[in-house]
Amino acid sequence: MARALELAIAKLAGLSDEQQEWFGRELLEQVEAMSRLRADIEIGLRELDAGRGQELDIEEVLRKVRPGHIGRSE
C-alpha cells in the first residue's frame, strides 16, 4: 500500500467509528468519481482517435457553463 494511504489509515484509526465511516464514504465517492472521469476521458480519446472530434468555441462553452460570462471579444 502507498505510504501516504498507510499514514492516512493510521490516523483514521484514532477516530470514532462514526468519523471513520464518514471518511470511508467520502473516500469511496472520490475514488468512484475519479474512475468515472477516467472512463469518460478514455471514451473521448477513442472518439478523437476515430476522427469524431470537433472544434469548440471556448467562449460559447463558457457562456453555457457560466451564465453572465463576458468573453474577451465582448
PDB file of N, CA and C in Angstrom:
ATOM      1  N   MET A   1       0.853  -1.176   0.000  1.00  0.00           N
ATOM      2  CA  MET A   1       0.000   0.000   0.000  1.00  0.00           C
ATOM      3  C   MET A   1       0.897   1.237   0.000  1.00  0.00           C
ATOM      4  N   ALA A   2       0.428   2.282  -0.660  1.00  0.00           N
ATOM      5  CA  ALA A   2       1.209   3.525  -0.732  1.00  0.00           C
ATOM      6  C   ALA A   2       1.385   4.113   0.670  1.00  0.00           C
ATOM      7  N   ARG A   3       2.530   4.699   0.878  1.00  0.00           N
ATOM      8  CA  ARG A   3       2.878   5.242   2.199  1.00  0.00           C
ATOM      9  C   ARG A   3       1.866   6.290   2.671  1.00  0.00           C
ATOM     10  N   ALA A   4       1.454   7.189   1.800  1.00  0.00           N
ATOM     11  CA  ALA A   4       0.503   8.237   2.197  1.00  0.00           C
ATOM     12  C   ALA A   4      -0.823   7.621   2.639  1.00  0.00           C
ATOM     13  N   LEU A   5      -1.273   6.599   1.939  1.00  0.00           N
ATOM     14  CA  LEU A   5      -2.523   5.949   2.309  1.00  0.00           C
ATOM     15  C   LEU A   5      -2.382   5.228   3.649  1.00  0.00           C
ATOM     16  N   GLU A   6      -1.247   4.591   3.853  1.00  0.00           N
ATOM     17  CA  GLU A   6      -0.998   3.927   5.136  1.00  0.00           C
ATOM     18  C   GLU A   6      -1.036   4.927   6.286  1.00  0.00           C
ATOM     19  N   LEU A   7      -0.422   6.090   6.094  1.00  0.00           N
ATOM     20  CA  LEU A   7      -0.430   7.125   7.136  1.00  0.00           C
ATOM     21  C   LEU A   7      -1.845   7.626   7.404  1.00  0.00           C
ATOM     22  N   ALA A   8      -2.603   7.836   6.338  1.00  0.00           N
ATOM     23  CA  ALA A   8      -3.977   8.316   6.500  1.00  0.00           C
ATOM     24  C   ALA A   8      -4.815   7.301   7.269  1.00  0.00           C
ATOM     25  N   ILE A   9      -4.678   6.029   6.931  1.00  0.00           N
ATOM     26  CA  ILE A   9      -5.439   4.983   7.619  1.00  0.00           C
ATOM     27  C   ILE A   9      -5.033   4.904   9.084  1.00  0.00           C
ATOM     28  N   ALA A  10      -3.762   5.046   9.358  1.00  0.00           N
ATOM     29  CA  ALA A  10      -3.296   5.015  10.747  1.00  0.00           C
ATOM     30  C   ALA A  10      -3.915   6.163  11.543  1.00  0.00           C
ATOM     31  N   LYS A  11      -3.998   7.343  10.937  1.00  0.00           N
ATOM     32  CA  LYS A  11      -4.605   8.480  11.633  1.00  0.00           C
ATOM     33  C   LYS A  11      -6.101   8.287  11.807  1.00  0.00           C
ATOM     34  N   LEU A  12      -6.748   7.710  10.818  1.00  0.00           N
ATOM     35  CA  LEU A  12      -8.187   7.471  10.912  1.00  0.00           C
ATOM     36  C   LEU A  12      -8.518   6.468  12.009  1.00  0.00           C
ATOM     37  N   ALA A  13      -7.610   5.555  12.291  1.00  0.00           N
ATOM     38  CA  ALA A  13      -7.852   4.528  13.304  1.00  0.00           C
ATOM     39  C   ALA A  13      -8.101   5.141  14.680  1.00  0.00           C
ATOM     40  N   GLY A  14      -7.601   6.344  14.893  1.00  0.00           N
ATOM     41  CA  GLY A  14      -7.793   7.011  16.180  1.00  0.00           C
ATOM     42  C   GLY A  14      -9.117   7.746  16.295  1.00  0.00           C
ATOM     43  N   LEU A  15      -9.897   7.763  15.226  1.00  0.00           N
ATOM     44  CA  LEU A  15     -11.182   8.460  15.248  1.00  0.00           C
ATOM     45  C   LEU A  15     -12.307   7.523  15.662  1.00  0.00           C
ATOM     46  N   SER A  16     -13.435   8.109  15.963  1.00  0.00           N
ATOM     47  CA  SER A  16     -14.606   7.292  16.322  1.00  0.00           C
ATOM     48  C   SER A  16     -15.070   6.494  15.106  1.00  0.00           C
ATOM     49  N   ASP A  17     -15.859   5.452  15.366  1.00  0.00           N
ATOM     50  CA  ASP A  17     -16.390   4.637  14.269  1.00  0.00           C
ATOM     51  C   ASP A  17     -17.209   5.500  13.313  1.00  0.00           C
ATOM     52  N   GLU A  18     -17.975   6.416  13.858  1.00  0.00           N
ATOM     53  CA  GLU A  18     -18.814   7.293  13.029  1.00  0.00           C
ATOM     54  C   GLU A  18     -17.955   8.161  12.108  1.00  0.00           C
ATOM     55  N   GLN A  19     -16.877   8.715  12.653  1.00  0.00           N
ATOM     56  CA  GLN A  19     -15.979   9.532  11.844  1.00  0.00           C
ATOM     57  C   GLN A  19     -15.254   8.692  10.793  1.00  0.00           C
ATOM     58  N   GLN A  20     -14.831   7.505  11.178  1.00  0.00           N
ATOM     59  CA  GLN A  20     -14.178   6.618  10.218  1.00  0.00           C
ATOM     60  C   GLN A  20     -15.130   6.270   9.079  1.00  0.00           C
ATOM     61  N   GLU A  21     -16.371   5.999   9.423  1.00  0.00           N
ATOM     62  CA  GLU A  21     -17.382   5.673   8.407  1.00  0.00           C
ATOM     63  C   GLU A  21     -17.567   6.846   7.442  1.00  0.00           C
ATOM     64  N   TRP A  22     -17.641   8.060   7.990  1.00  0.00           N
ATOM     65  CA  TRP A  22     -17.820   9.243   7.154  1.00  0.00           C
ATOM     66  C   TRP A  22     -16.644   9.399   6.195  1.00  0.00           C
ATOM     67  N   PHE A  23     -15.418   9.298   6.727  1.00  0.00           N
ATOM     68  CA  PHE A  23     -14.240   9.418   5.872  1.00  0.00           C
ATOM     69  C   PHE A  23     -14.204   8.304   4.827  1.00  0.00           C
ATOM     70  N   GLY A  24     -14.586   7.111   5.207  1.00  0.00           N
ATOM     71  CA  GLY A  24     -14.611   5.996   4.266  1.00  0.00           C
ATOM     72  C   GLY A  24     -15.566   6.257   3.118  1.00  0.00           C
ATOM     73  N   ARG A  25     -16.762   6.753   3.439  1.00  0.00           N
ATOM     74  CA  ARG A  25     -17.740   7.070   2.385  1.00  0.00           C
ATOM     75  C   ARG A  25     -17.221   8.176   1.475  1.00  0.00           C
ATOM     76  N   GLU A  26     -16.608   9.201   2.064  1.00  0.00           N
ATOM     77  CA  GLU A  26     -16.051  10.304   1.270  1.00  0.00           C
ATOM     78  C   GLU A  26     -14.958   9.797   0.326  1.00  0.00           C
ATOM     79  N   LEU A  27     -14.082   8.957   0.837  1.00  0.00           N
ATOM     80  CA  LEU A  27     -13.007   8.412   0.021  1.00  0.00           C
ATOM     81  C   LEU A  27     -13.572   7.574  -1.119  1.00  0.00           C
ATOM     82  N   LEU A  28     -14.554   6.738  -0.820  1.00  0.00           N
ATOM     83  CA  LEU A  28     -15.169   5.923  -1.876  1.00  0.00           C
ATOM     84  C   LEU A  28     -15.810   6.783  -2.946  1.00  0.00           C
ATOM     85  N   GLU A  29     -16.483   7.854  -2.553  1.00  0.00           N
ATOM     86  CA  GLU A  29     -17.094   8.758  -3.524  1.00  0.00           C
ATOM     87  C   GLU A  29     -16.037   9.379  -4.429  1.00  0.00           C
ATOM     88  N   GLN A  30     -14.909   9.776  -3.852  1.00  0.00           N
ATOM     89  CA  GLN A  30     -13.833  10.370  -4.647  1.00  0.00           C
ATOM     90  C   GLN A  30     -13.236   9.348  -5.617  1.00  0.00           C
ATOM     91  N   VAL A  31     -13.019   8.138  -5.139  1.00  0.00           N
ATOM     92  CA  VAL A  31     -12.454   7.095  -5.998  1.00  0.00           C
ATOM     93  C   VAL A  31     -13.419   6.785  -7.140  1.00  0.00           C
ATOM     94  N   GLU A  32     -14.707   6.692  -6.841  1.00  0.00           N
ATOM     95  CA  GLU A  32     -15.703   6.420  -7.881  1.00  0.00           C
ATOM     96  C   GLU A  32     -15.779   7.565  -8.885  1.00  0.00           C
ATOM     97  N   ALA A  33     -15.723   8.804  -8.404  1.00  0.00           N
ATOM     98  CA  ALA A  33     -15.758   9.962  -9.304  1.00  0.00           C
ATOM     99  C   ALA A  33     -14.536   9.957 -10.220  1.00  0.00           C
ATOM    100  N   MET A  34     -13.380   9.637  -9.675  1.00  0.00           N
ATOM    101  CA  MET A  34     -12.166   9.588 -10.497  1.00  0.00           C
ATOM    102  C   MET A  34     -12.247   8.459 -11.518  1.00  0.00           C
ATOM    103  N   SER A  35     -12.836   7.345 -11.135  1.00  0.00           N
ATOM    104  CA  SER A  35     -12.996   6.226 -12.077  1.00  0.00           C
ATOM    105  C   SER A  35     -13.927   6.612 -13.218  1.00  0.00           C
ATOM    106  N   ARG A  36     -15.025   7.300 -12.890  1.00  0.00           N
ATOM    107  CA  ARG A  36     -15.951   7.757 -13.944  1.00  0.00           C
ATOM    108  C   ARG A  36     -15.262   8.758 -14.867  1.00  0.00           C
ATOM    109  N   LEU A  37     -14.507   9.677 -14.291  1.00  0.00           N
ATOM    110  CA  LEU A  37     -13.793  10.663 -15.099  1.00  0.00           C
ATOM    111  C   LEU A  37     -12.787   9.980 -16.018  1.00  0.00           C
ATOM    112  N   ARG A  38     -12.054   9.038 -15.480  1.00  0.00           N
ATOM    113  CA  ARG A  38     -11.067   8.311 -16.284  1.00  0.00           C
ATOM    114  C   ARG A  38     -11.761   7.580 -17.439  1.00  0.00           C
ATOM    115  N   ALA A  39     -12.906   6.963 -17.173  1.00  0.00           N
ATOM    116  CA  ALA A  39     -13.649   6.261 -18.230  1.00  0.00           C
ATOM    117  C   ALA A  39     -14.139   7.251 -19.284  1.00  0.00           C
ATOM    118  N   ASP A  40     -14.637   8.408 -18.848  1.00  0.00           N
ATOM    119  CA  ASP A  40     -15.096   9.434 -19.795  1.00  0.00           C
ATOM    120  C   ASP A  40     -13.947   9.936 -20.663  1.00  0.00           C
ATOM    121  N   ILE A  41     -12.789  10.104 -20.067  1.00  0.00           N
ATOM    122  CA  ILE A  41     -11.616  10.555 -20.826  1.00  0.00           C
ATOM    123  C   ILE A  41     -11.225   9.505 -21.859  1.00  0.00           C
ATOM    124  N   GLU A  42     -11.255   8.237 -21.461  1.00  0.00           N
ATOM    125  CA  GLU A  42     -10.924   7.161 -22.402  1.00  0.00           C
ATOM    126  C   GLU A  42     -11.887   7.156 -23.584  1.00  0.00           C
ATOM    127  N   ILE A  43     -13.178   7.336 -23.311  1.00  0.00           N
ATOM    128  CA  ILE A  43     -14.176   7.397 -24.386  1.00  0.00           C
ATOM    129  C   ILE A  43     -13.864   8.568 -25.310  1.00  0.00           C
ATOM    130  N   GLY A  44     -13.586   9.731 -24.719  1.00  0.00           N
ATOM    131  CA  GLY A  44     -13.271  10.910 -25.516  1.00  0.00           C
ATOM    132  C   GLY A  44     -12.032  10.711 -26.377  1.00  0.00           C
ATOM    133  N   LEU A  45     -11.007  10.096 -25.815  1.00  0.00           N
ATOM    134  CA  LEU A  45      -9.791   9.849 -26.589  1.00  0.00           C
ATOM    135  C   LEU A  45     -10.052   8.894 -27.751  1.00  0.00           C
ATOM    136  N   ARG A  46     -10.850   7.860 -27.507  1.00  0.00           N
ATOM    137  CA  ARG A  46     -11.190   6.926 -28.596  1.00  0.00           C
ATOM    138  C   ARG A  46     -11.964   7.644 -29.694  1.00  0.00           C
ATOM    139  N   GLU A  47     -12.885   8.542 -29.295  1.00  0.00           N
ATOM    140  CA  GLU A  47     -13.653   9.292 -30.286  1.00  0.00           C
ATOM    141  C   GLU A  47     -12.748  10.223 -31.089  1.00  0.00           C
ATOM    142  N   LEU A  48     -11.811  10.872 -30.412  1.00  0.00           N
ATOM    143  CA  LEU A  48     -10.868  11.730 -31.131  1.00  0.00           C
ATOM    144  C   LEU A  48     -10.011  10.914 -32.087  1.00  0.00           C
ATOM    145  N   ASP A  49      -9.523   9.773 -31.620  1.00  0.00           N
ATOM    146  CA  ASP A  49      -8.702   8.910 -32.476  1.00  0.00           C
ATOM    147  C   ASP A  49      -9.476   8.421 -33.694  1.00  0.00           C
ATOM    148  N   ALA A  50     -10.794   8.268 -33.549  1.00  0.00           N
ATOM    149  CA  ALA A  50     -11.634   7.807 -34.652  1.00  0.00           C
ATOM    150  C   ALA A  50     -12.067   8.964 -35.555  1.00  0.00           C
ATOM    151  N   GLY A  51     -11.593  10.174 -35.261  1.00  0.00           N
ATOM    152  CA  GLY A  51     -11.921  11.325 -36.097  1.00  0.00           C
ATOM    153  C   GLY A  51     -13.283  11.923 -35.836  1.00  0.00           C
ATOM    154  N   ARG A  52     -13.868  11.633 -34.682  1.00  0.00           N
ATOM    155  CA  ARG A  52     -15.203  12.151 -34.384  1.00  0.00           C
ATOM    156  C   ARG A  52     -15.164  13.420 -33.539  1.00  0.00           C
ATOM    157  N   GLY A  53     -14.001  14.008 -33.380  1.00  0.00           N
ATOM    158  CA  GLY A  53     -13.892  15.238 -32.598  1.00  0.00           C
ATOM    159  C   GLY A  53     -14.344  16.435 -33.419  1.00  0.00           C
ATOM    160  N   GLN A  54     -14.639  17.507 -32.728  1.00  0.00           N
ATOM    161  CA  GLN A  54     -14.999  18.732 -33.420  1.00  0.00           C
ATOM    162  C   GLN A  54     -14.437  19.930 -32.656  1.00  0.00           C
ATOM    163  N   GLU A  55     -14.141  20.977 -33.394  1.00  0.00           N
ATOM    164  CA  GLU A  55     -13.586  22.173 -32.783  1.00  0.00           C
ATOM    165  C   GLU A  55     -14.655  22.862 -31.947  1.00  0.00           C
ATOM    166  N   LEU A  56     -14.254  23.368 -30.790  1.00  0.00           N
ATOM    167  CA  LEU A  56     -15.178  24.063 -29.905  1.00  0.00           C
ATOM    168  C   LEU A  56     -14.854  25.546 -29.871  1.00  0.00           C
ATOM    169  N   ASP A  57     -15.899  26.330 -29.705  1.00  0.00           N
ATOM    170  CA  ASP A  57     -15.741  27.766 -29.455  1.00  0.00           C
ATOM    171  C   ASP A  57     -15.734  27.914 -27.936  1.00  0.00           C
ATOM    172  N   ILE A  58     -14.555  28.141 -27.353  1.00  0.00           N
ATOM    173  CA  ILE A  58     -14.426  28.159 -25.900  1.00  0.00           C
ATOM    174  C   ILE A  58     -15.290  29.236 -25.266  1.00  0.00           C
ATOM    175  N   GLU A  59     -15.446  30.358 -25.928  1.00  0.00           N
ATOM    176  CA  GLU A  59     -16.297  31.416 -25.380  1.00  0.00           C
ATOM    177  C   GLU A  59     -17.748  30.945 -25.288  1.00  0.00           C
ATOM    178  N   GLU A  60     -18.205  30.198 -26.263  1.00  0.00           N
ATOM    179  CA  GLU A  60     -19.572  29.666 -26.228  1.00  0.00           C
ATOM    180  C   GLU A  60     -19.725  28.649 -25.096  1.00  0.00           C
ATOM    181  N   VAL A  61     -18.721  27.804 -24.915  1.00  0.00           N
ATOM    182  CA  VAL A  61     -18.744  26.824 -23.823  1.00  0.00           C
ATOM    183  C   VAL A  61     -18.819  27.549 -22.483  1.00  0.00           C
ATOM    184  N   LEU A  62     -17.994  28.579 -22.310  1.00  0.00           N
ATOM    185  CA  LEU A  62     -18.004  29.334 -21.058  1.00  0.00           C
ATOM    186  C   LEU A  62     -19.337  30.026 -20.821  1.00  0.00           C
ATOM    187  N   ARG A  63     -19.943  30.543 -21.870  1.00  0.00           N
ATOM    188  CA  ARG A  63     -21.258  31.187 -21.710  1.00  0.00           C
ATOM    189  C   ARG A  63     -22.309  30.175 -21.233  1.00  0.00           C
ATOM    190  N   LYS A  64     -22.200  28.952 -21.696  1.00  0.00           N
ATOM    191  CA  LYS A  64     -23.162  27.920 -21.293  1.00  0.00           C
ATOM    192  C   LYS A  64     -22.965  27.492 -19.845  1.00  0.00           C
ATOM    193  N   VAL A  65     -21.711  27.353 -19.420  1.00  0.00           N
ATOM    194  CA  VAL A  65     -21.453  26.863 -18.066  1.00  0.00           C
ATOM    195  C   VAL A  65     -21.410  27.972 -17.035  1.00  0.00           C
ATOM    196  N   ARG A  66     -21.150  29.196 -17.478  1.00  0.00           N
ATOM    197  CA  ARG A  66     -21.106  30.338 -16.555  1.00  0.00           C
ATOM    198  C   ARG A  66     -21.953  31.464 -17.117  1.00  0.00           C
ATOM    199  N   PRO A  67     -23.259  31.405 -16.881  1.00  0.00           N
ATOM    200  CA  PRO A  67     -24.112  32.493 -17.396  1.00  0.00           C
ATOM    201  C   PRO A  67     -23.591  33.834 -16.913  1.00  0.00           C
ATOM    202  N   GLY A  68     -23.588  34.788 -17.799  1.00  0.00           N
ATOM    203  CA  GLY A  68     -23.087  36.108 -17.438  1.00  0.00           C
ATOM    204  C   GLY A  68     -21.616  36.278 -17.738  1.00  0.00           C
ATOM    205  N   HIS A  69     -20.963  35.208 -18.204  1.00  0.00           N
ATOM    206  CA  HIS A  69     -19.526  35.288 -18.537  1.00  0.00           C
ATOM    207  C   HIS A  69     -19.348  36.284 -19.670  1.00  0.00           C
ATOM    208  N   ILE A  70     -18.421  37.173 -19.504  1.00  0.00           N
ATOM    209  CA  ILE A  70     -18.101  38.137 -20.553  1.00  0.00           C
ATOM    210  C   ILE A  70     -16.805  37.699 -21.197  1.00  0.00           C
ATOM    211  N   GLY A  71     -16.873  37.401 -22.472  1.00  0.00           N
ATOM    212  CA  GLY A  71     -15.708  36.923 -23.183  1.00  0.00           C
ATOM    213  C   GLY A  71     -14.743  38.025 -23.529  1.00  0.00           C
ATOM    214  N   ARG A  72     -13.578  37.606 -24.014  1.00  0.00           N
ATOM    215  CA  ARG A  72     -12.534  38.574 -24.381  1.00  0.00           C
ATOM    216  C   ARG A  72     -12.969  39.467 -25.531  1.00  0.00           C
ATOM    217  N   SER A  73     -13.788  38.946 -26.455  1.00  0.00           N
ATOM    218  CA  SER A  73     -14.177  39.723 -27.619  1.00  0.00           C
ATOM    219  C   SER A  73     -15.386  40.611 -27.358  1.00  0.00           C
ATOM    220  N   GLU A  74     -15.969  40.527 -26.183  1.00  0.00           N
ATOM    221  CA  GLU A  74     -17.160  41.331 -25.900  1.00  0.00           C
ATOM    222  C   GLU A  74     -16.826  42.578 -25.139  1.00  0.00           C
TER     223      GLU A  74
END
